[in-house]
Amino acid sequence: MTSQASIEELVELLHDTDEKLEELLAGEIDSVTNRAGRTILLRRAQGHLRDSDAIAQAAILSAIPSHIALVDSQGVIRSVNENWSRFGRENEATPVRGGAGVGVNYLDVCDRASNVEPDAAMAAQGLRAVLSGVQDNFSFEYRCDSVDEARWFKMAVAPLSDGHSNGAVVMHSDISARKRASVELALLTQQTARRERMLSTLLASIGDFASIFDRCGRFLFVNQPLLDFWGLTLDQVVGRTMPELGERGHPAPVAQRMHLQVQEVFANGISIRDERVAEDAAGARHYEYILSPAMAPDGSVDFVVGSTRDVTHARAAEQAIRASQQHLRHLIDGLGPSMFAGLLTPEGIVVEVNRTPVEAAGLRASDIVGKHFADTFWWSHSPQVQQQLREAIALAAQGTPSQYEVAARGAKDRLVDIEFSLQPLRNESGEVIYLIPSAIVVTERKRAEKALRNSETQFRTLAESVPQIVWITTAGGWNIYFNQQFLDYTGLTREQSQGYGWNTVFHPEDAPRAWEAWQQAVAGNGSYMMEGRLRRGDGAYRWWLIRGLAQSGGGTGEGAKANWLGTCTDIHDMKLAELEISKANQELQHQRTELRELNEELEERVKARTAELNLARNEAEHANRAKSSFLATMSHEIRTPMNGIFGLLELLALSELDPGQQETLTAAQESGQVLLHIINDILDFSKIEANSLELHLAGASVREVVEATCRLHRQVASSKNLTLTMDVAPEISPLLDFDALRLGQILNNLVNNAIKFTGSGSISVAVELVERGEQTESLRFVVRDTGIGISSEHLDKLFQPFIQAGADITSRFGGTGLGLVISLRLAELMGGSLQIESEPGRGTTMTLLLSFGLYQGTARVLPRGRAGMDALDALLAGRRMAPGDQEAEDEGSLLLVVDDHPTNLMVLTRQLASLGYAAHTATDGAQALQAWKSYRYAAIITDCNMPGMNGYELTTAIRALEETQGKDRTPIIACTANALPGAAAMCLELGMDACLVKPAGLAQISATLDRWVPLTRLGARLKDLSSAELPTAIAGGSLVDFFLLAEISGGNVQAQAEILAEFRRVSQADAEDLRRSVQAGNYPLIVQCAHRMSGASLMLGANKLAAACSRIESGGAAKDAVAVRAALETFEDELRQLHGYFDTLL
């Protein structure tokens, strides 16, 4: 008691003394010094000191960019920095960090989140280990994505002791930038290694001699051609100088000179070009070699590349030099087109930059080097971006790197998203000597990320909208997703459903069976399906059909099936119905006798019905075969004359034409191509039946499509004294994203109908801008005529296949009735509509509404005029003149052409002659087979459908003879007008080697023959064909297009006379066949003869005679004797005039 009283007295004395000191010193003094020299800190000053320490500690923690919390020995958060608090506010939904503020037990937060985030359990385990003293510290990396981006963090825990209580410091650091940088660095390293392998392979495979020298003149690399030239291996050369190779390498004087030149290149950094002469069995050959320095980033010479080539043929050598220099530049740059790298001074001045982004911007290196980086092309679009870059340069110069995403100006002034990095480069003393800017285009990556987010949103929307339960589970049975339907049915919360919680709703009798079926499905990576009972929220059970499919995880082997996606369908009512059915079956057993009798009666009815169905099926199959046969016949009949037309147009393009003729030729080629594309789609039966036509979007001009359409029809309109006008609104964007071919097809149909049904007046084509959105423009196309019009009762028929407004319309104007149907389907396929307004006697207005996307790229420009003809010139450049038959047979290039149509034979042989081939001809398979037995042909080009022995039978006969007689295989190339699917495959199956589809152009014929019968192009030439060589009397003729004839004959008047004489002879025989068929009333033969003469007439440009033949063909197809005889009179008159005209020429 005495000791305790003393203590209490002492405490009171100290308290009174402290108050007395405060009163005496008036708060002006914080400490005093006693006689012994000891400084005593007063109580008020001690409190201030503790407050200052706390404030300083809080300021330090807040200044650290990491998220920091101080926890006590129980895991309760006692203090956090501002970054921790801000992250908690911004990520409240994050299980581990959201809501973890001061006063909250962080261990409890991690434990609760363990079921959702496995990383939370690891965090709790590590924190407990540090608090309990089991571990000195703990850290691990984990992923924590936000709504907008993927993020990675590093958690670190260290013990904390202040002398009074134990605890720990918990720190979360954002390492997302480091993670992304490591991924990009790995990709860059992989790309660099690949380019090095590509360069090594390239240097080893080029025909020139290539080598690389180090600073001492030793070989680092020698390619195979040089090794072969010396007769050495790579191991015998690498590491030695040129003089050290001795007599095995270059001659001593040459070797010594080149060795000294290598040293000179290293010393001066300047390339040396020199030439030497070598003697071989063929005589003296000149070799030019170049020693070029490869510069390091610091400006010194890293290594020297030597290349030697044979310059005896100067042009080939020059081309090889350019290729070598280009590959060398690729090595120096070393980065792809989507990457940027450079070197800056600490002040931001550009020292070096890779070439690819400079050239993409249309600049030169001199436009960039020496300027401040912020003032260069890529950043000039935004002062804000330039200022941001200047600030980053200032930080990097002080040693602080920067990395951020920004928009940069790219090629064609388009902005691209890049991930930009600016890193300081230090010397050995730590001083920043350079800045390294780098960037990679991330536009596509951002688009992909956005697409992925959209895909996830669409899946969740779909899953929440279906009336079924949708679930996603891992292969181990751990559920990661249930839609709202499951929660509503079971009454469980989403947290209760996660993991294995969903197993609790299975009926006890069904749960083992369900788990066994699940394990079997997972083991076999197959599908999962079973029927089971699931407990409803009110405790009742209902039957469900549960199905699941393994979803590929993108790998192979174990773990390739990452998750299982499944559904649950309520079949409770169906199961009850099955029980009812079972009961009903028992009752039905008692009625077996009655049902047997009824069954017998039904069987008789079924037999009768089956017979009816079989008959209907046979009729349907017959109709289907008839349609397929019709399409094949139409393909052949249309493509046969088109083959001649396209061949003549290509040959015509070889001559020198004036601008007017070039425009006419361009229009004809455009028309032919449009017609060919349209025919391809119309004749493709499977596309028509299955609605599988596809659009090919590209940048194009609406104005050009409309102009081409009007240009195509202007001559026809003018011949009917009709005015054809067009008006395209100027505010329509010059380039839009659409299928120009399909739009042109629609407009051609509409304008063609307008001209066909308009006797007088005008036709106008107008395009208006209806609406412009951010990414699209809505357009209205209006085709208006002053024609006969259509009554309202017939309007609905116009969009039905093969149906026109009336029988009188068909007889007067012809046509298939497919034009508007195809136009409507194309309009709908393009997301638009086609409407019609018409009134009898007042004309028709067709309105096409379409929306096109804005196009950001560059439009594809089709060759026109002389440019289009240059394509043919390029194709035939270097081709030789066709040799004589014997010369061709001797050299193995003689061809055999088989076709039953004389005009097609003529066109194809002319085309082959233009390509440098000589050819024999035959008009059927039998003649061709006999010719094959008598001559050595390099290849046979044959029509497939011919009278007598056709092309297929000819191929079968030749292949059989080759096998029995041991002859070499003769390449056989089909030239068929059948464009239906499977036609080419059938040709190959029957033994042919290739297939050309009529009309076959020079490019297709050349590509095929270059494979099977290649010709040398050395010294070949193409004779210049000029219409100026035509006699004035012939060029001025009006019954025949002699410009076409000149192209076929190569401007040879004698050849023209022979062609006309042949046509006169064949047409006399064809005309006699036509007269006999008309006299006999044999309509199929009428159609055949008229079609044959029409195609031949068009090939020579005898258009009036061809028109008369076409009218006879149409009348024969309609079995209209009156129309046939009327057209025959015109035919006789035109043929008489044409033959008389020939007589004056021949």
Foldseek 3Di string as FASTA:
>chain_A
DVVVVVVVVVVVVVVVVLVVVCVVVVPPDQWDADPVRDIDGRPVNVVVVVVVVVVVVQVVQQVDQWWKFWAFLQQATADTHPNLVVVLVVCLVQQQRNPRDHGDRSLVSLVVCCLPDVVSVVVSVQQNCCSVVVDQKDKDKDWDDDPQGTWIKMWIKHWDDPPPGITIMIIIGTCRVVVVVVVVVVVLVVLLVVLVVVLVVVQQPDQWWKFKAALQQATPDTHDNQCVVLVHDGVLGGPDHQCVNPPSHDDNVVSVVVSVVQNVCQVPVAKDKDKDWDQDPVGIWIKIKMWHFQADPVGGGGIIMMIIDTCPPPVVVVVVVVVVVVSSLCNNLSDDLQKKKFKAFLQQATAGIRCNQQVLQVHDVVQRHGDRNLPHQFNVPDPVSSVVVNVQSNVQQVQDKDWDWDWTQGHPRDTFIKTKIKHFDADPVRHGGMIMIMIGTCRVVVVVVVVVVVVVVVVLVVCQPDLWWKWKAWLVGFTDDIHVNVCQFQVDDPSCCGTNNQLVFFDPVCSVVQVVQSNVCSVVQAKGWDWTWGAGNVGDTFIKIKIKHFDAPPDDDPCRRTMIIIIIHGCRVVVVVVVVVVVVVVVVVVVVVVVVVVVVVVVVVVVVVVVVVVVVVVVVVVVVVVLLVVLQVVLFLVQLLQLLVQLLLLLLLQADDDQVVQQVSQLSVVVSVLVVVVSLQVSAVVCVVVVPDDWDKFKAAPVVLVVSLCVNCVVVCVVLVEAEEEEEDPVPDRIFIGRSSLVSLLSNLLVVVQSLQANYYYWYWYKDFPDDDPWKTKIKIKIWHQGQWADPVQPVQLQPFQDHSDPVCCVVRNDRSCSVVSSQSSLVVQVWGWDKDTDGRGTIMIMIIHMTTHDDDDGDDDDGGNRVSVVSCVVLALAAAADDQVVCLVVQQEEEEEAQAVSSVLSVQLLVRSNHHHYHYYHALVVVLVVVVVGRHLAYEAEADHPDHGPLNSQLVVVVCCVVVVNDDRAYEYEYSRSYPPPQVVCVVSPHDYYHHGSHYSVNVSVVCCVRPNDDSPPHHGDHAYPVLDDPVVCPDDQWNCSSVSSSQSSDLVVSLVVLVVLLVVVVVLLVQLVVCLVVLVLVSNLVSLSSNLSSCVSGRSNQLNVLSVQLNVCSVVSPSVSNVVSVVSNVVSSVVSVVVSVVSD
